[in-house]
């Protein structure tokens, strides 16, 4: 069982930056691939970024490539999402997820990110 708690969301102006954190409980964190997803009002949840259990491999949605960076610290059981050059269309609730081989079975409660124009 893994519990995930996101933090770091907030209100920021367009062009600004935020860093989201996702703290995980459980001894098997380092075995899991981790992902970030987001859901804007009236839209479906969409993939943002993912990272392999070792941190070697990362993947990004085209919409955030070059602006967002996912990373993890297995010693701290934490995954991060550094978000730079934020745009109003990045406004959403951001969720982290954990699972083996990118099959996400654990989800956090989400953190709100609002980007003003």
N, C-alpha and C. Protein backbone atom coordinates (compact mmCIF):
# COMPACT_ATOMS: atom_id res chain seq x y z
N UNK A 1 0.85 -1.19 0.00
CA UNK A 1 0.00 0.00 0.00
C UNK A 1 0.88 1.24 0.00
N UNK A 2 0.54 2.19 -0.84
CA UNK A 2 1.28 3.45 -0.94
C UNK A 2 0.30 4.59 -0.80
N UNK A 3 0.63 5.55 0.03
CA UNK A 3 -0.16 6.77 0.15
C UNK A 3 0.64 7.94 -0.40
N UNK A 4 -0.03 8.78 -1.16
CA UNK A 4 0.64 9.89 -1.84
C UNK A 4 0.01 11.22 -1.40
N UNK A 5 0.84 12.18 -1.08
CA UNK A 5 0.36 13.50 -0.67
C UNK A 5 1.09 14.56 -1.48
N UNK A 6 0.34 15.31 -2.28
CA UNK A 6 0.92 16.38 -3.09
C UNK A 6 0.93 17.68 -2.31
N UNK A 7 1.88 18.53 -2.66
CA UNK A 7 1.95 19.87 -2.08
C UNK A 7 2.66 20.78 -3.07
N UNK A 8 2.58 22.10 -2.80
CA UNK A 8 3.31 23.04 -3.62
C UNK A 8 2.47 23.80 -4.63
N UNK A 9 1.20 23.47 -4.71
CA UNK A 9 0.34 24.20 -5.64
C UNK A 9 0.07 25.61 -5.14
N UNK A 10 -0.55 26.41 -5.98
CA UNK A 10 -0.88 27.77 -5.60
C UNK A 10 -1.22 28.62 -6.79
N UNK A 11 -1.24 29.93 -6.54
CA UNK A 11 -1.56 30.91 -7.58
C UNK A 11 -0.27 31.58 -8.03
N UNK A 12 -0.07 31.64 -9.33
CA UNK A 12 1.14 32.24 -9.88
C UNK A 12 0.78 32.97 -11.17
N UNK A 13 1.53 34.01 -11.48
CA UNK A 13 1.31 34.74 -12.72
C UNK A 13 1.92 33.99 -13.90
N UNK A 14 1.37 34.22 -15.06
CA UNK A 14 1.92 33.63 -16.27
C UNK A 14 3.40 33.97 -16.39
N UNK A 15 4.18 32.97 -16.76
CA UNK A 15 5.62 33.13 -16.86
C UNK A 15 6.36 32.74 -15.59
N UNK A 16 5.62 32.54 -14.51
CA UNK A 16 6.23 32.18 -13.24
C UNK A 16 6.50 30.70 -13.11
N UNK A 17 6.94 30.32 -11.92
CA UNK A 17 7.33 28.93 -11.66
C UNK A 17 6.71 28.43 -10.36
N UNK A 18 6.52 27.13 -10.32
CA UNK A 18 6.11 26.43 -9.11
C UNK A 18 6.81 25.08 -9.09
N UNK A 19 7.04 24.56 -7.89
CA UNK A 19 7.54 23.20 -7.77
C UNK A 19 6.57 22.40 -6.94
N UNK A 20 6.04 21.37 -7.54
CA UNK A 20 5.15 20.45 -6.84
C UNK A 20 5.97 19.32 -6.24
N UNK A 21 5.52 18.86 -5.09
CA UNK A 21 6.13 17.70 -4.44
C UNK A 21 5.06 16.66 -4.19
N UNK A 22 5.48 15.42 -4.21
CA UNK A 22 4.58 14.32 -3.89
C UNK A 22 5.33 13.39 -2.94
N UNK A 23 4.90 13.38 -1.70
CA UNK A 23 5.53 12.53 -0.69
C UNK A 23 4.79 11.21 -0.59
N UNK A 24 5.54 10.14 -0.61
CA UNK A 24 4.95 8.80 -0.59
C UNK A 24 5.30 8.07 0.69
N UNK A 25 4.33 7.33 1.18
CA UNK A 25 4.59 6.45 2.31
C UNK A 25 4.81 5.04 1.77
N UNK A 26 5.41 4.19 2.58
CA UNK A 26 5.61 2.82 2.14
C UNK A 26 7.05 2.54 1.77
N UNK A 27 7.45 1.31 1.97
CA UNK A 27 8.85 0.94 1.77
C UNK A 27 9.20 0.68 0.32
N UNK A 28 8.18 0.56 -0.53
CA UNK A 28 8.45 0.14 -1.90
C UNK A 28 8.45 1.29 -2.89
N UNK A 29 8.55 2.51 -2.39
CA UNK A 29 8.49 3.68 -3.27
C UNK A 29 9.51 3.56 -4.40
N UNK A 30 10.70 3.15 -4.09
CA UNK A 30 11.76 3.12 -5.10
C UNK A 30 11.51 2.07 -6.17
N UNK A 31 10.53 1.22 -5.98
CA UNK A 31 10.20 0.22 -6.99
C UNK A 31 9.21 0.73 -8.02
N UNK A 32 8.57 1.84 -7.71
CA UNK A 32 7.47 2.30 -8.53
C UNK A 32 7.87 3.37 -9.54
N UNK A 33 7.30 3.28 -10.71
CA UNK A 33 7.30 4.42 -11.61
C UNK A 33 6.34 5.46 -11.03
N UNK A 34 6.63 6.71 -11.29
CA UNK A 34 5.80 7.80 -10.77
C UNK A 34 5.36 8.69 -11.91
N UNK A 35 4.16 9.22 -11.77
CA UNK A 35 3.65 10.10 -12.81
C UNK A 35 2.93 11.30 -12.23
N UNK A 36 2.85 12.33 -13.05
CA UNK A 36 2.03 13.51 -12.75
C UNK A 36 0.95 13.61 -13.83
N UNK A 37 -0.25 13.85 -13.37
CA UNK A 37 -1.39 14.08 -14.26
C UNK A 37 -2.06 15.36 -13.82
N UNK A 38 -2.91 15.89 -14.69
CA UNK A 38 -3.66 17.09 -14.31
C UNK A 38 -5.06 17.03 -14.90
N UNK A 39 -5.95 17.75 -14.24
CA UNK A 39 -7.33 17.83 -14.71
C UNK A 39 -7.82 19.25 -14.56
N UNK A 40 -8.14 19.85 -15.69
CA UNK A 40 -8.70 21.20 -15.72
C UNK A 40 -10.22 21.11 -15.64
N UNK A 41 -10.87 22.18 -15.21
CA UNK A 41 -12.33 22.16 -15.10
C UNK A 41 -12.98 21.80 -16.43
N UNK A 42 -13.90 20.84 -16.39
CA UNK A 42 -14.62 20.44 -17.58
C UNK A 42 -13.84 19.58 -18.55
N UNK A 43 -12.64 19.20 -18.16
CA UNK A 43 -11.80 18.38 -19.05
C UNK A 43 -11.44 17.06 -18.36
N UNK A 44 -10.99 16.12 -19.18
CA UNK A 44 -10.56 14.84 -18.65
C UNK A 44 -9.15 14.96 -18.07
N UNK A 45 -8.85 14.04 -17.18
CA UNK A 45 -7.50 14.01 -16.63
C UNK A 45 -6.52 13.66 -17.74
N UNK A 46 -5.39 14.35 -17.76
CA UNK A 46 -4.40 14.12 -18.81
C UNK A 46 -3.02 13.91 -18.23
N UNK A 47 -2.23 13.17 -18.96
CA UNK A 47 -0.86 12.88 -18.59
C UNK A 47 0.00 14.14 -18.71
N UNK A 48 0.89 14.33 -17.75
CA UNK A 48 1.82 15.45 -17.77
C UNK A 48 3.27 14.96 -17.91
N UNK A 49 3.67 14.07 -16.99
CA UNK A 49 5.06 13.59 -17.00
C UNK A 49 5.15 12.31 -16.19
N UNK A 50 6.18 11.53 -16.48
CA UNK A 50 6.44 10.32 -15.70
C UNK A 50 7.93 10.09 -15.58
N UNK A 51 8.28 9.26 -14.59
CA UNK A 51 9.68 8.96 -14.34
C UNK A 51 9.80 7.51 -13.90
N UNK A 52 10.83 6.84 -14.38
CA UNK A 52 11.03 5.44 -14.03
C UNK A 52 11.45 5.29 -12.57
N UNK A 53 11.45 4.06 -12.08
CA UNK A 53 11.76 3.82 -10.67
C UNK A 53 13.16 4.31 -10.33
N UNK A 54 14.08 4.23 -11.26
CA UNK A 54 15.46 4.64 -11.00
C UNK A 54 15.70 6.11 -11.27
N UNK A 55 14.75 6.74 -11.95
CA UNK A 55 14.94 8.13 -12.34
C UNK A 55 15.66 8.28 -13.67
N UNK A 56 16.03 7.17 -14.28
CA UNK A 56 16.80 7.23 -15.52
C UNK A 56 15.97 7.72 -16.70
N UNK A 57 14.74 7.28 -16.74
CA UNK A 57 13.87 7.61 -17.88
C UNK A 57 12.76 8.55 -17.48
N UNK A 58 12.58 9.58 -18.28
CA UNK A 58 11.50 10.53 -18.06
C UNK A 58 10.73 10.74 -19.36
N UNK A 59 9.46 11.06 -19.21
CA UNK A 59 8.58 11.27 -20.36
C UNK A 59 7.70 12.47 -20.08
N UNK A 60 7.37 13.20 -21.12
CA UNK A 60 6.58 14.42 -20.96
C UNK A 60 5.50 14.51 -22.04
N UNK A 61 4.41 15.13 -21.67
CA UNK A 61 3.42 15.51 -22.67
C UNK A 61 4.02 16.61 -23.53
N UNK A 62 3.63 16.65 -24.78
CA UNK A 62 4.16 17.68 -25.68
C UNK A 62 3.87 19.08 -25.16
N UNK A 63 2.75 19.24 -24.51
CA UNK A 63 2.33 20.56 -24.06
C UNK A 63 3.23 21.14 -22.96
N UNK A 64 3.99 20.29 -22.29
CA UNK A 64 4.84 20.77 -21.19
C UNK A 64 6.32 20.54 -21.44
N UNK A 65 6.64 19.87 -22.52
CA UNK A 65 8.04 19.55 -22.81
C UNK A 65 8.86 20.82 -22.93
N UNK A 66 9.99 20.84 -22.25
CA UNK A 66 10.85 22.01 -22.27
C UNK A 66 10.52 23.03 -21.19
N UNK A 67 9.38 22.87 -20.53
CA UNK A 67 8.98 23.82 -19.47
C UNK A 67 8.91 23.12 -18.11
N UNK A 68 8.54 21.86 -18.10
CA UNK A 68 8.39 21.10 -16.84
C UNK A 68 9.50 20.07 -16.73
N UNK A 69 9.90 19.80 -15.49
CA UNK A 69 10.92 18.78 -15.24
C UNK A 69 10.48 17.90 -14.08
N UNK A 70 10.44 16.60 -14.32
CA UNK A 70 10.10 15.66 -13.27
C UNK A 70 11.39 15.06 -12.72
N UNK A 71 11.42 14.86 -11.41
CA UNK A 71 12.59 14.24 -10.77
C UNK A 71 12.11 13.50 -9.52
N UNK A 72 13.00 12.70 -8.96
CA UNK A 72 12.63 11.97 -7.76
C UNK A 72 13.84 11.82 -6.84
N UNK A 73 13.56 11.67 -5.58
CA UNK A 73 14.58 11.41 -4.57
C UNK A 73 14.10 10.18 -3.79
N UNK A 74 14.62 9.04 -4.13
CA UNK A 74 14.15 7.80 -3.50
C UNK A 74 14.52 7.73 -2.02
N UNK A 75 15.56 8.43 -1.62
CA UNK A 75 15.92 8.46 -0.20
C UNK A 75 14.87 9.22 0.62
N UNK A 76 14.18 10.16 -0.04
CA UNK A 76 13.16 10.95 0.64
C UNK A 76 11.74 10.51 0.27
N UNK A 77 11.63 9.47 -0.53
CA UNK A 77 10.31 8.99 -0.97
C UNK A 77 9.48 10.12 -1.58
N UNK A 78 10.10 10.92 -2.42
CA UNK A 78 9.44 12.10 -2.95
C UNK A 78 9.72 12.23 -4.45
N UNK A 79 8.69 12.64 -5.16
CA UNK A 79 8.83 12.98 -6.57
C UNK A 79 8.44 14.45 -6.73
N UNK A 80 9.10 15.10 -7.65
CA UNK A 80 8.92 16.54 -7.84
C UNK A 80 8.48 16.84 -9.27
N UNK A 81 7.80 17.97 -9.42
CA UNK A 81 7.51 18.49 -10.75
C UNK A 81 7.85 19.98 -10.73
N UNK A 82 8.96 20.33 -11.35
CA UNK A 82 9.34 21.72 -11.49
C UNK A 82 8.65 22.28 -12.71
N UNK A 83 7.87 23.33 -12.52
CA UNK A 83 7.09 23.91 -13.60
C UNK A 83 7.55 25.34 -13.83
N UNK A 84 8.11 25.59 -14.98
CA UNK A 84 8.60 26.92 -15.36
C UNK A 84 7.80 27.45 -16.54
N UNK A 85 7.91 28.76 -16.76
CA UNK A 85 7.22 29.40 -17.88
C UNK A 85 5.74 29.00 -17.92
N UNK A 86 5.11 29.09 -16.77
CA UNK A 86 3.72 28.65 -16.68
C UNK A 86 2.79 29.51 -17.52
N UNK A 87 1.77 28.85 -18.03
CA UNK A 87 0.78 29.50 -18.89
C UNK A 87 -0.61 29.34 -18.25
N UNK A 88 -1.53 30.21 -18.58
CA UNK A 88 -2.89 30.06 -18.02
C UNK A 88 -3.49 28.68 -18.31
N UNK A 89 -3.14 28.10 -19.44
CA UNK A 89 -3.69 26.78 -19.78
C UNK A 89 -3.10 25.65 -18.94
N UNK A 90 -2.13 25.96 -18.12
CA UNK A 90 -1.60 24.97 -17.17
C UNK A 90 -2.46 24.89 -15.91
N UNK A 91 -3.43 25.78 -15.79
CA UNK A 91 -4.31 25.77 -14.62
C UNK A 91 -5.07 24.45 -14.54
N UNK A 92 -4.96 23.79 -13.41
CA UNK A 92 -5.58 22.47 -13.22
C UNK A 92 -5.31 21.98 -11.81
N UNK A 93 -5.96 20.90 -11.47
CA UNK A 93 -5.58 20.14 -10.28
C UNK A 93 -4.55 19.11 -10.73
N UNK A 94 -3.43 19.09 -10.04
CA UNK A 94 -2.33 18.19 -10.39
C UNK A 94 -2.30 17.02 -9.42
N UNK A 95 -2.20 15.82 -9.99
CA UNK A 95 -2.19 14.59 -9.21
C UNK A 95 -0.90 13.83 -9.45
N UNK A 96 -0.38 13.23 -8.41
CA UNK A 96 0.71 12.29 -8.63
C UNK A 96 0.18 10.87 -8.52
N UNK A 97 0.89 9.96 -9.16
CA UNK A 97 0.46 8.57 -9.22
C UNK A 97 1.67 7.66 -9.13
N UNK A 98 1.45 6.47 -8.61
CA UNK A 98 2.53 5.49 -8.45
C UNK A 98 2.05 4.13 -8.92
N UNK A 99 2.98 3.38 -9.52
CA UNK A 99 2.65 2.04 -9.94
C UNK A 99 3.82 1.34 -10.57
N UNK A 100 3.72 0.04 -10.66
CA UNK A 100 4.76 -0.74 -11.31
C UNK A 100 4.60 -0.64 -12.82
N UNK A 101 5.70 -0.48 -13.51
CA UNK A 101 5.69 -0.45 -14.97
C UNK A 101 4.68 0.54 -15.54
N UNK A 102 4.53 1.68 -14.86
CA UNK A 102 3.68 2.78 -15.32
C UNK A 102 2.19 2.42 -15.30
N UNK A 103 1.84 1.35 -14.62
CA UNK A 103 0.42 1.01 -14.41
C UNK A 103 0.04 1.57 -13.05
N UNK A 104 -0.51 2.77 -13.07
CA UNK A 104 -0.70 3.52 -11.84
C UNK A 104 -1.90 3.00 -11.06
N UNK A 105 -1.61 2.54 -9.86
CA UNK A 105 -2.68 2.03 -9.00
C UNK A 105 -2.89 2.88 -7.77
N UNK A 106 -1.98 3.79 -7.50
CA UNK A 106 -2.11 4.67 -6.35
C UNK A 106 -2.12 6.12 -6.83
N UNK A 107 -3.03 6.89 -6.23
CA UNK A 107 -3.19 8.29 -6.63
C UNK A 107 -3.28 9.17 -5.39
N UNK A 108 -2.74 10.38 -5.53
CA UNK A 108 -2.89 11.36 -4.48
C UNK A 108 -4.21 12.10 -4.60
N UNK A 109 -4.42 13.03 -3.67
CA UNK A 109 -5.68 13.79 -3.64
C UNK A 109 -5.64 15.00 -4.57
N UNK A 110 -4.47 15.40 -4.98
CA UNK A 110 -4.34 16.52 -5.90
C UNK A 110 -4.00 17.83 -5.23
N UNK A 111 -3.39 18.71 -6.00
CA UNK A 111 -3.08 20.06 -5.54
C UNK A 111 -3.41 21.05 -6.66
N UNK A 112 -4.04 22.15 -6.29
CA UNK A 112 -4.52 23.11 -7.28
C UNK A 112 -3.39 24.03 -7.73
N UNK A 113 -3.28 24.18 -9.04
CA UNK A 113 -2.36 25.15 -9.64
C UNK A 113 -3.20 26.10 -10.47
N UNK A 114 -3.07 27.38 -10.18
CA UNK A 114 -3.79 28.40 -10.92
C UNK A 114 -2.81 29.41 -11.48
N UNK A 115 -2.85 29.61 -12.79
CA UNK A 115 -1.95 30.54 -13.46
C UNK A 115 -2.78 31.69 -14.01
N UNK A 116 -2.50 32.87 -13.53
CA UNK A 116 -3.25 34.05 -13.97
C UNK A 116 -2.55 34.72 -15.15
N UNK A 117 -3.34 35.32 -16.01
CA UNK A 117 -2.77 35.97 -17.20
C UNK A 117 -2.45 37.43 -16.94
